[in-house]
Protein backbone atom coordinates (compact mmCIF):
# COMPACT_ATOMS: atom_id res chain seq x y z
CA UNK A 1 -4.30 -22.27 -10.25
CA UNK A 2 -6.87 -22.03 -13.02
CA UNK A 3 -10.25 -23.87 -12.23
CA UNK A 4 -9.76 -26.65 -14.88
CA UNK A 5 -6.82 -27.83 -13.52
CA UNK A 6 -7.94 -27.65 -9.91
CA UNK A 7 -10.78 -29.77 -11.78
CA UNK A 8 -8.16 -32.44 -13.12
CA UNK A 9 -6.16 -32.49 -9.74
CA UNK A 10 -9.68 -33.46 -8.01
CA UNK A 11 -10.31 -36.05 -10.25
CA UNK A 12 -7.05 -38.02 -10.15
CA UNK A 13 -6.83 -37.79 -6.39
CA UNK A 14 -10.31 -39.62 -6.98
CA UNK A 15 -8.89 -41.96 -9.46
CA UNK A 16 -5.74 -42.61 -7.34
CA UNK A 17 -7.24 -43.45 -3.56
CA UNK A 18 -10.99 -43.94 -4.46
CA UNK A 19 -11.45 -45.68 -7.94
CA UNK A 20 -11.05 -49.42 -6.11
CA UNK A 21 -14.67 -48.62 -4.42
CA UNK A 22 -16.11 -45.74 -6.41
CA UNK A 23 -14.64 -46.70 -10.08
CA UNK A 24 -15.55 -43.95 -12.56
CA UNK A 25 -17.81 -42.37 -10.24
CA UNK A 26 -14.79 -40.88 -7.87
CA UNK A 27 -13.36 -39.42 -11.23
CA UNK A 28 -15.89 -37.22 -11.69
CA UNK A 29 -17.06 -36.22 -8.41
CA UNK A 30 -13.92 -35.80 -7.36
CA UNK A 31 -13.40 -33.36 -10.53
CA UNK A 32 -16.58 -31.58 -8.99
CA UNK A 33 -14.81 -31.48 -5.59
CA UNK A 34 -11.45 -29.96 -6.88
CA UNK A 35 -13.88 -27.14 -8.40
CA UNK A 36 -16.03 -26.15 -5.63
CA UNK A 37 -14.27 -23.71 -3.60
CA UNK A 38 -13.42 -21.65 -6.49
CA UNK A 39 -17.20 -21.04 -6.35
CA UNK A 40 -16.09 -18.11 -4.05
CA UNK A 41 -15.94 -15.91 -6.76
CA UNK A 42 -19.33 -15.37 -6.68
CA UNK A 43 -18.59 -12.73 -3.59
CA UNK A 44 -18.38 -10.44 -6.26
CA UNK A 45 -22.54 -10.45 -6.40
CA UNK A 46 -22.61 -9.85 -2.74
CA UNK A 47 -19.66 -7.82 -1.94
CA UNK A 48 -18.98 -5.35 -5.36
CA UNK A 49 -16.23 -5.65 -7.34
CA UNK A 50 -14.06 -6.01 -4.05
CA UNK A 51 -15.35 -9.02 -3.06
CA UNK A 52 -13.20 -10.69 -5.32
CA UNK A 53 -9.87 -9.31 -3.91
CA UNK A 54 -11.13 -9.81 0.00
CA UNK A 55 -12.93 -13.45 -0.46
CA UNK A 56 -11.15 -15.50 -3.45
CA UNK A 57 -9.17 -17.79 -2.16
CA UNK A 58 -10.57 -17.07 1.53
CA UNK A 59 -12.83 -19.49 3.36
CA UNK A 60 -13.71 -21.83 0.64
CA UNK A 61 -9.40 -22.61 0.76
CA UNK A 62 -9.02 -22.67 3.92
CA UNK A 63 -7.58 -25.66 6.02
CA UNK A 64 -10.21 -26.49 7.74
CA UNK A 65 -12.75 -26.15 4.76
CA UNK A 66 -12.26 -30.00 3.12
CA UNK A 67 -12.34 -31.50 6.52
CA UNK A 68 -15.61 -30.16 7.59
CA UNK A 69 -17.77 -28.87 4.42
CA UNK A 70 -16.14 -32.47 2.60
CA UNK A 71 -17.43 -34.95 5.16
CA UNK A 72 -20.58 -33.10 4.70
CA UNK A 73 -20.88 -33.16 1.41
CA UNK A 74 -19.16 -36.67 0.67
CA UNK A 75 -21.89 -38.10 3.47
CA UNK A 76 -24.28 -36.33 1.74
CA UNK A 77 -23.87 -37.87 -2.07
CA UNK A 78 -23.75 -41.37 0.01
CA UNK A 79 -26.99 -41.00 1.19
CA UNK A 80 -28.42 -39.96 -2.25
CA UNK A 81 -26.65 -43.16 -3.65
CA UNK A 82 -28.29 -45.36 -0.83
CA UNK A 83 -31.61 -43.95 -1.36
CA UNK A 84 -31.51 -45.19 -5.38
CA UNK A 85 -32.92 -49.15 -6.39
CA UNK A 86 -29.22 -50.98 -7.31
CA UNK A 87 -30.52 -51.27 -10.78
CA UNK A 88 -30.46 -47.62 -10.82
CA UNK A 89 -26.58 -47.62 -9.86
CA UNK A 90 -24.86 -47.46 -12.99
CA UNK A 91 -22.18 -49.87 -12.10
CA UNK A 92 -19.26 -49.80 -15.00
CA UNK A 93 -19.61 -51.86 -17.67
CA UNK A 94 -17.17 -54.73 -17.52
CA UNK A 95 -16.39 -54.12 -14.22
CA UNK A 96 -19.60 -55.39 -12.56
CA UNK A 97 -19.27 -58.53 -14.24
CA UNK A 98 -15.63 -58.99 -12.80
CA UNK A 99 -14.88 -61.84 -11.58
CA UNK A 100 -16.29 -62.77 -7.77
CA UNK A 101 -14.94 -60.54 -5.04
CA UNK A 102 -13.95 -57.91 -7.29
CA UNK A 103 -16.90 -55.72 -8.30
CA UNK A 104 -17.58 -52.51 -7.17
CA UNK A 105 -20.17 -52.41 -4.34
CA UNK A 106 -23.51 -50.66 -4.98
CA UNK A 107 -22.17 -46.79 -3.90
CA UNK A 108 -24.91 -46.36 -1.81
CA UNK A 109 -23.51 -49.50 0.77
CA UNK A 110 -22.30 -48.57 3.85
CA UNK A 111 -18.85 -49.89 3.20
CA UNK A 112 -18.09 -47.36 0.90
CA UNK A 113 -19.69 -44.46 3.20
CA UNK A 114 -15.71 -43.59 4.07
CA UNK A 115 -14.71 -43.63 0.58
CA UNK A 116 -17.14 -41.24 -0.38
CA UNK A 117 -16.48 -38.71 2.56
CA UNK A 118 -12.69 -39.23 2.01
CA UNK A 119 -12.92 -38.51 -1.91
CA UNK A 120 -14.24 -35.26 -1.00
CA UNK A 121 -12.05 -34.22 1.96
CA UNK A 122 -9.07 -34.39 -0.45
CA UNK A 123 -10.56 -33.43 -2.97
CA UNK A 124 -11.14 -29.55 -1.34
CA UNK A 125 -7.96 -30.19 0.27
CA UNK A 126 -6.15 -29.96 -2.93
CA UNK A 127 -7.32 -26.40 -3.79
CA UNK A 128 -5.59 -24.85 -1.39
CA UNK A 129 -2.53 -27.33 -1.55
CA UNK A 130 -1.85 -26.15 -5.34
CA UNK A 131 -2.92 -22.94 -4.94
CA UNK A 132 -0.46 -21.93 -1.84
CA UNK A 133 2.28 -22.85 -4.29
CA UNK A 134 1.34 -19.85 -6.61
CA UNK A 135 1.96 -15.78 -6.24
CA UNK A 136 -1.70 -14.99 -5.82
CA UNK A 137 -2.27 -15.47 -1.84
CA UNK A 138 -4.32 -18.24 -0.50
CA UNK A 139 -5.60 -17.48 3.04
CA UNK A 140 -5.40 -20.83 4.54
CA UNK A 141 -6.49 -20.05 8.33
CA UNK A 142 -9.67 -17.90 7.16
CA UNK A 143 -12.06 -16.61 8.40
CA UNK A 144 -9.71 -16.54 11.68
CA UNK A 145 -6.77 -15.16 9.98
CA UNK A 146 -6.77 -13.29 6.61
CA UNK A 147 -2.83 -13.68 6.16
CA UNK A 148 -2.21 -14.73 2.75
CA UNK A 149 0.18 -17.56 1.99
CA UNK A 150 2.16 -17.99 -1.44
CA UNK A 151 5.41 -20.22 -2.51
CA UNK A 152 6.03 -18.08 -5.75
CA UNK A 153 6.58 -22.01 -7.48
CA UNK A 154 4.41 -22.04 -10.23
CA UNK A 155 2.61 -19.92 -12.96
CA UNK A 156 -1.50 -19.91 -12.07
CA UNK A 157 -1.81 -21.16 -15.30
CA UNK A 158 0.86 -23.99 -16.29
CA UNK A 159 0.30 -26.64 -19.18
CA UNK A 160 3.45 -28.57 -18.14
CA UNK A 161 1.39 -29.55 -14.60
CA UNK A 162 -1.79 -29.92 -16.52
CA UNK A 163 -0.47 -32.44 -19.16
CA UNK A 164 0.95 -34.76 -15.88
CA UNK A 165 -2.67 -34.84 -14.56
CA UNK A 166 -4.25 -35.32 -18.05
CA UNK A 167 -2.05 -38.16 -18.66
CA UNK A 168 -3.27 -40.21 -16.30
CA UNK A 169 -6.84 -39.85 -16.67
CA UNK A 170 -5.59 -41.11 -20.37
CA UNK A 171 -5.13 -44.28 -18.92
CA UNK A 172 -7.90 -44.51 -17.49
CA UNK A 173 -9.22 -44.53 -20.58
CA UNK A 174 -7.69 -46.14 -23.09
CA UNK A 175 -7.51 -49.32 -20.69
CA UNK A 176 -9.98 -52.21 -20.81
CA UNK A 177 -12.30 -52.20 -18.53
CA UNK A 178 -11.61 -55.38 -16.26
CA UNK A 179 -7.94 -53.67 -15.83
CA UNK A 180 -8.99 -49.71 -15.74
CA UNK A 181 -9.45 -50.03 -11.89
CA UNK A 182 -6.16 -51.53 -10.89
CA UNK A 183 -4.00 -49.79 -13.93
CA UNK A 184 -5.58 -45.86 -13.93
CA UNK A 185 -5.59 -46.00 -10.09
CA UNK A 186 -1.55 -46.55 -10.54
CA UNK A 187 -0.98 -44.23 -13.18
CA UNK A 188 -3.23 -41.41 -11.17
CA UNK A 189 -0.70 -42.41 -7.67
CA UNK A 190 2.31 -41.59 -10.47
CA UNK A 191 1.01 -38.66 -11.83
CA UNK A 192 -0.12 -37.11 -8.35
CA UNK A 193 4.17 -37.81 -7.08
CA UNK A 194 5.16 -35.96 -10.30
CA UNK A 195 3.08 -33.53 -10.61
CA UNK A 196 3.58 -33.03 -6.79
CA UNK A 197 7.49 -32.95 -7.62
CA UNK A 198 7.32 -30.27 -10.47
CA UNK A 199 5.82 -28.07 -7.65
CA UNK A 200 8.26 -28.36 -5.53
CA UNK A 201 10.74 -27.99 -8.84
CA UNK A 202 9.54 -24.63 -9.24
CA UNK A 203 10.03 -23.91 -6.01
CA UNK A 204 13.63 -24.97 -6.13
CA UNK A 205 13.75 -22.74 -9.03
CA UNK A 206 12.60 -19.65 -7.57
CA UNK A 207 15.26 -19.80 -4.72
CA UNK A 208 17.49 -20.39 -7.25
CA UNK A 209 16.09 -17.47 -9.38
CA UNK A 210 16.54 -15.17 -5.85
CA UNK A 211 20.08 -16.18 -5.23
CA UNK A 212 21.21 -15.69 -8.81
CA UNK A 213 19.50 -12.05 -8.61
CA UNK A 214 21.28 -11.39 -4.94
CA UNK A 215 24.87 -12.25 -6.04
CA UNK A 216 24.35 -9.67 -9.08
CA UNK A 217 23.14 -7.04 -7.16
CA UNK A 218 26.08 -7.55 -4.46
CA UNK A 219 28.71 -6.86 -7.58
CA UNK A 220 26.71 -4.12 -8.37
CA UNK A 221 27.29 -3.36 -4.60
CA UNK A 222 23.68 -3.76 -3.59
CA UNK A 223 23.40 -5.28 -0.40
CA UNK A 224 20.43 -4.22 1.49
CA UNK A 225 17.71 -4.29 -1.18
CA UNK A 226 14.39 -6.82 -0.88
CA UNK A 227 14.48 -9.29 -3.78
CA UNK A 228 11.28 -10.63 -4.84
CA UNK A 229 10.94 -13.28 -7.53
CA UNK A 230 7.40 -14.25 -8.74
CA UNK A 231 6.85 -17.22 -11.97
CA UNK A 232 5.46 -15.55 -15.47
CA UNK A 233 3.21 -17.44 -17.17
CA UNK A 234 2.62 -20.93 -19.01
CA UNK A 235 5.74 -22.03 -17.67
CA UNK A 236 8.13 -22.58 -14.52
CA UNK A 237 11.90 -21.19 -15.96
CA UNK A 238 11.28 -17.23 -16.56
CA UNK A 239 10.94 -15.17 -13.44
CA UNK A 240 9.61 -12.06 -13.20
CA UNK A 241 12.34 -10.10 -10.43
CA UNK A 242 11.25 -7.08 -8.44
CA UNK A 243 13.57 -5.40 -6.27
CA UNK A 244 13.46 -2.52 -3.88
CA UNK A 245 15.83 -0.21 -1.90
CA UNK A 246 14.79 2.79 -0.29
CA UNK A 247 12.51 5.06 -3.38
CA UNK A 248 13.76 3.05 -6.08
CA UNK A 249 11.91 -0.15 -8.01
CA UNK A 250 14.21 -2.16 -10.35
CA UNK A 251 12.02 -4.57 -12.18
CA UNK A 252 13.62 -7.38 -14.64
CA UNK A 253 13.10 -10.71 -15.49
CA UNK A 254 15.78 -14.16 -15.37
CA UNK A 255 15.52 -17.41 -17.36
CA UNK A 256 16.65 -20.31 -15.11
CA UNK A 257 16.72 -22.22 -18.15
CA UNK A 258 20.45 -20.23 -18.97
CA UNK A 259 20.33 -17.61 -16.40
CA UNK A 260 22.35 -14.57 -17.44
CA UNK A 261 22.76 -11.22 -16.25
CA UNK A 262 19.47 -9.57 -15.88
CA UNK A 263 18.14 -6.29 -17.72
CA UNK A 264 16.72 -3.63 -15.10
CA UNK A 265 14.21 -1.08 -15.93
CA UNK A 266 14.25 1.23 -12.63
CA UNK A 267 11.98 3.94 -11.64
CA UNK A 268 11.31 5.85 -8.38
CA UNK A 269 8.39 5.59 -6.66
CA UNK A 270 7.32 9.13 -5.98
CA UNK A 271 6.46 10.46 -1.91
CA UNK A 272 3.37 12.32 -2.84
CA UNK A 273 0.67 13.50 -0.62
CA UNK A 274 -1.64 12.41 -2.50
CA UNK A 275 -0.36 9.17 -2.78
CA UNK A 276 -0.46 8.97 0.87
CA UNK A 277 -4.07 9.59 1.12
CA UNK A 278 -4.94 6.49 -1.18
CA UNK A 279 -3.41 3.99 0.86
CA UNK A 280 -5.02 5.37 3.88
CA UNK A 281 -8.55 4.60 2.23
CA UNK A 282 -10.30 1.19 3.20
CA UNK A 283 -9.44 0.56 -0.62
CA UNK A 284 -6.02 1.42 -0.54
CA UNK A 285 -5.36 -0.78 2.38
CA UNK A 286 -7.51 -4.17 1.03
CA UNK A 287 -5.75 -3.55 -2.16
CA UNK A 288 -2.27 -3.50 -0.29
CA UNK A 289 -3.14 -6.32 1.64
CA UNK A 290 -3.90 -8.31 -1.35
CA UNK A 291 -1.03 -7.48 -3.31
CA UNK A 292 1.59 -8.96 -0.33
CA UNK A 293 2.80 -4.97 -0.07
CA UNK A 294 4.25 -5.19 -3.76
CA UNK A 295 2.06 -2.09 -4.66
CA UNK A 296 3.70 1.43 -6.34
CA UNK A 297 1.65 4.52 -6.83
CA UNK A 298 2.02 6.46 -9.62
CA UNK A 299 0.36 10.14 -9.81
CA UNK A 300 -0.54 12.34 -12.62
CA UNK A 301 -1.84 16.09 -12.10
CA UNK A 302 -4.73 17.12 -14.08
CA UNK A 303 -5.81 21.40 -13.72
CA UNK A 304 -8.82 20.05 -11.25
CA UNK A 305 -6.20 17.81 -8.99
CA UNK A 306 -5.12 14.56 -8.59
CA UNK A 307 -5.63 10.87 -10.48
CA UNK A 308 -3.46 8.33 -8.56
CA UNK A 309 -3.10 4.94 -9.55
CA UNK A 310 -1.69 1.75 -7.21
CA UNK A 311 -0.13 -0.88 -9.07
CA UNK A 312 0.37 -4.57 -8.21
CA UNK A 313 3.83 -5.05 -9.20
CA UNK A 314 3.79 -8.91 -8.89
CA UNK A 315 2.09 -8.96 -12.20
CA UNK A 316 3.12 -6.97 -14.93
CA UNK A 317 4.48 -5.63 -18.03
CA UNK A 318 8.40 -5.95 -18.77
CA UNK A 319 8.13 -2.51 -20.74
CA UNK A 320 6.40 -0.94 -18.50
CA UNK A 321 7.71 -1.90 -15.03
CA UNK A 322 6.12 0.36 -12.48
CA UNK A 323 2.42 -0.75 -14.31
CA UNK A 324 0.66 -3.88 -13.32
CA UNK A 325 -2.05 -6.04 -14.87
CA UNK A 326 -3.98 -4.42 -12.41
CA UNK A 327 -4.81 -1.72 -10.17
CA UNK A 328 -6.78 0.52 -8.28
CA UNK A 329 -7.75 4.67 -9.06
CA UNK A 330 -8.52 7.35 -7.16
CA UNK A 331 -9.42 10.90 -7.90
CA UNK A 332 -8.80 13.86 -5.59
CA UNK A 333 -9.25 17.45 -5.69
CA UNK A 334 -6.85 20.33 -5.09
CA UNK A 335 -7.55 20.25 -1.56
CA UNK A 336 -6.69 16.67 -1.20
CA UNK A 337 -10.40 15.38 -0.99
CA UNK A 338 -11.15 12.23 -2.70
CA UNK A 339 -13.81 12.54 -5.52
CA UNK A 340 -16.40 9.76 -6.21
CA UNK A 341 -15.27 6.55 -4.98
CA UNK A 342 -11.94 4.13 -5.65
CA UNK A 343 -12.34 1.81 -8.28
CA UNK A 344 -10.69 -1.48 -9.66
CA UNK A 345 -8.48 -1.07 -13.41
CA UNK A 346 -7.56 -3.77 -15.42
CA UNK A 347 -5.10 -2.73 -17.93
CA UNK A 348 -5.70 -3.82 -21.61
CA UNK A 349 -3.04 -6.82 -22.37
CA UNK A 350 -3.57 -8.51 -25.57
CA UNK A 351 -2.51 -12.65 -26.26
CA UNK A 352 -1.13 -12.44 -30.26
CA UNK A 353 1.52 -14.78 -31.51
CA UNK A 354 3.86 -12.23 -30.62
CA UNK A 355 3.36 -12.96 -27.47
CA UNK A 356 3.91 -16.69 -27.42
CA UNK A 357 7.31 -16.10 -29.33
CA UNK A 358 8.57 -13.58 -27.17
CA UNK A 359 7.72 -15.53 -23.93
CA UNK A 360 9.81 -18.68 -25.91
CA UNK A 361 12.49 -16.51 -26.97
CA UNK A 362 12.68 -14.81 -23.41
CA UNK A 363 12.91 -18.05 -21.46
CA UNK A 364 14.40 -20.80 -23.71
CA UNK A 365 16.11 -18.14 -26.09
CA UNK A 366 20.04 -17.62 -26.97
CA UNK A 367 20.17 -14.25 -25.38
CA UNK A 368 19.32 -14.81 -21.78
CA UNK A 369 20.74 -10.88 -21.05
CA UNK A 370 18.74 -9.68 -23.05
CA UNK A 371 15.25 -11.58 -23.04
CA UNK A 372 12.98 -9.89 -25.76
CA UNK A 373 9.52 -10.33 -23.50
CA UNK A 374 7.98 -6.89 -23.56
CA UNK A 375 11.75 -5.12 -24.19
CA UNK A 376 11.83 -2.19 -27.03
CA UNK A 377 14.01 -2.93 -29.38
CA UNK A 378 16.60 0.22 -28.06
CA UNK A 379 16.12 -1.46 -24.39
CA UNK A 380 17.60 -4.84 -25.10
CA UNK A 381 21.09 -5.67 -24.34
CA UNK A 382 21.08 -2.61 -21.65
CA UNK A 383 20.21 -1.03 -18.53
CA UNK A 384 18.66 1.93 -18.23
CA UNK A 385 19.15 4.93 -16.32
CA UNK A 386 17.31 5.22 -13.20
CA UNK A 387 14.50 8.18 -13.50
CA UNK A 388 11.47 8.48 -15.21
CA UNK A 389 9.78 10.76 -12.90
CA UNK A 390 6.06 9.37 -12.16
CA UNK A 391 4.65 12.65 -11.38
CA UNK A 392 3.37 13.87 -14.69
CA UNK A 393 1.00 17.10 -15.56
CA UNK A 394 -2.21 16.84 -18.13
CA UNK A 395 -4.07 19.03 -20.04
């Protein structure tokens, strides 16, 4: 998920599990620990534009990273506090004046060393735990395996999930100091239970959406197609559906708030030698791996040769089903030789008020069989014919 939500999760983990020993430090350091794994985005600085594809959600999101690096960092923070005088420990007002036996120990006391280690281990592990429920793909066993895991349960940005976590932090902030740890830790534990249940609710919705789509396809006589269902954005109900069968791709949307007939946009995948050439490049192989095989080519003929684009169909536009939010592009001469380097691109996507209104209508509207999101007026309420060649001629 987005880094702010990852930090929220780390803070709530600290609040639930370690605030009784570490006080408010468990929240602040937990938030930092929840966000640290996302620092892998700096891989772009040394690996170039392909670093994000290769290394984001890589080793720092692997299952070994929390126990190994988290233990070392937790021990290091404890040692740092152990060297600070007692009057600089920053004990929370109201807590240090609690009745005997209920105050917080010094943050560098040997009795809290395990709490510091546990805090960073769990905060680091919260990253892959949450990210694997999204579509992007997480390398849980990197660098020993580059297999990407994705459960397609929730979007990368989900306000409902984030608000569940914020509620726990609000309880902490709004509770009197002498009761804050007891009440706040319970609220945080409840928040973790509810937010985790929400993730599995999204997973259940995705499975239901897949079943409903397969039922509709079977009614049309399509039984051997490969069906993939993905969350969209900001909520768990509206799902993007990608169906592949031979050389045809169907893209549609289904809302699990009130499921209806999927309106399909159809297009054929060109079997073009230039598309195969791009697929054989190092960049083509990286992108296919990154997109979990959900790549579709687009070949544009020009006088000087061809432009080939690969799009990631997991994330895309409903009005242009063959276009994803991002992709790669290569140029070839008439002899099939690559001209220059293969480059990444990102398609323009402007978020306006109408975007949110369309999303609302598509998710909760009264006409689920004709979701408004991105569908031109003439296509709402009707299917489209297979076709539209993806090879065009430019002057």
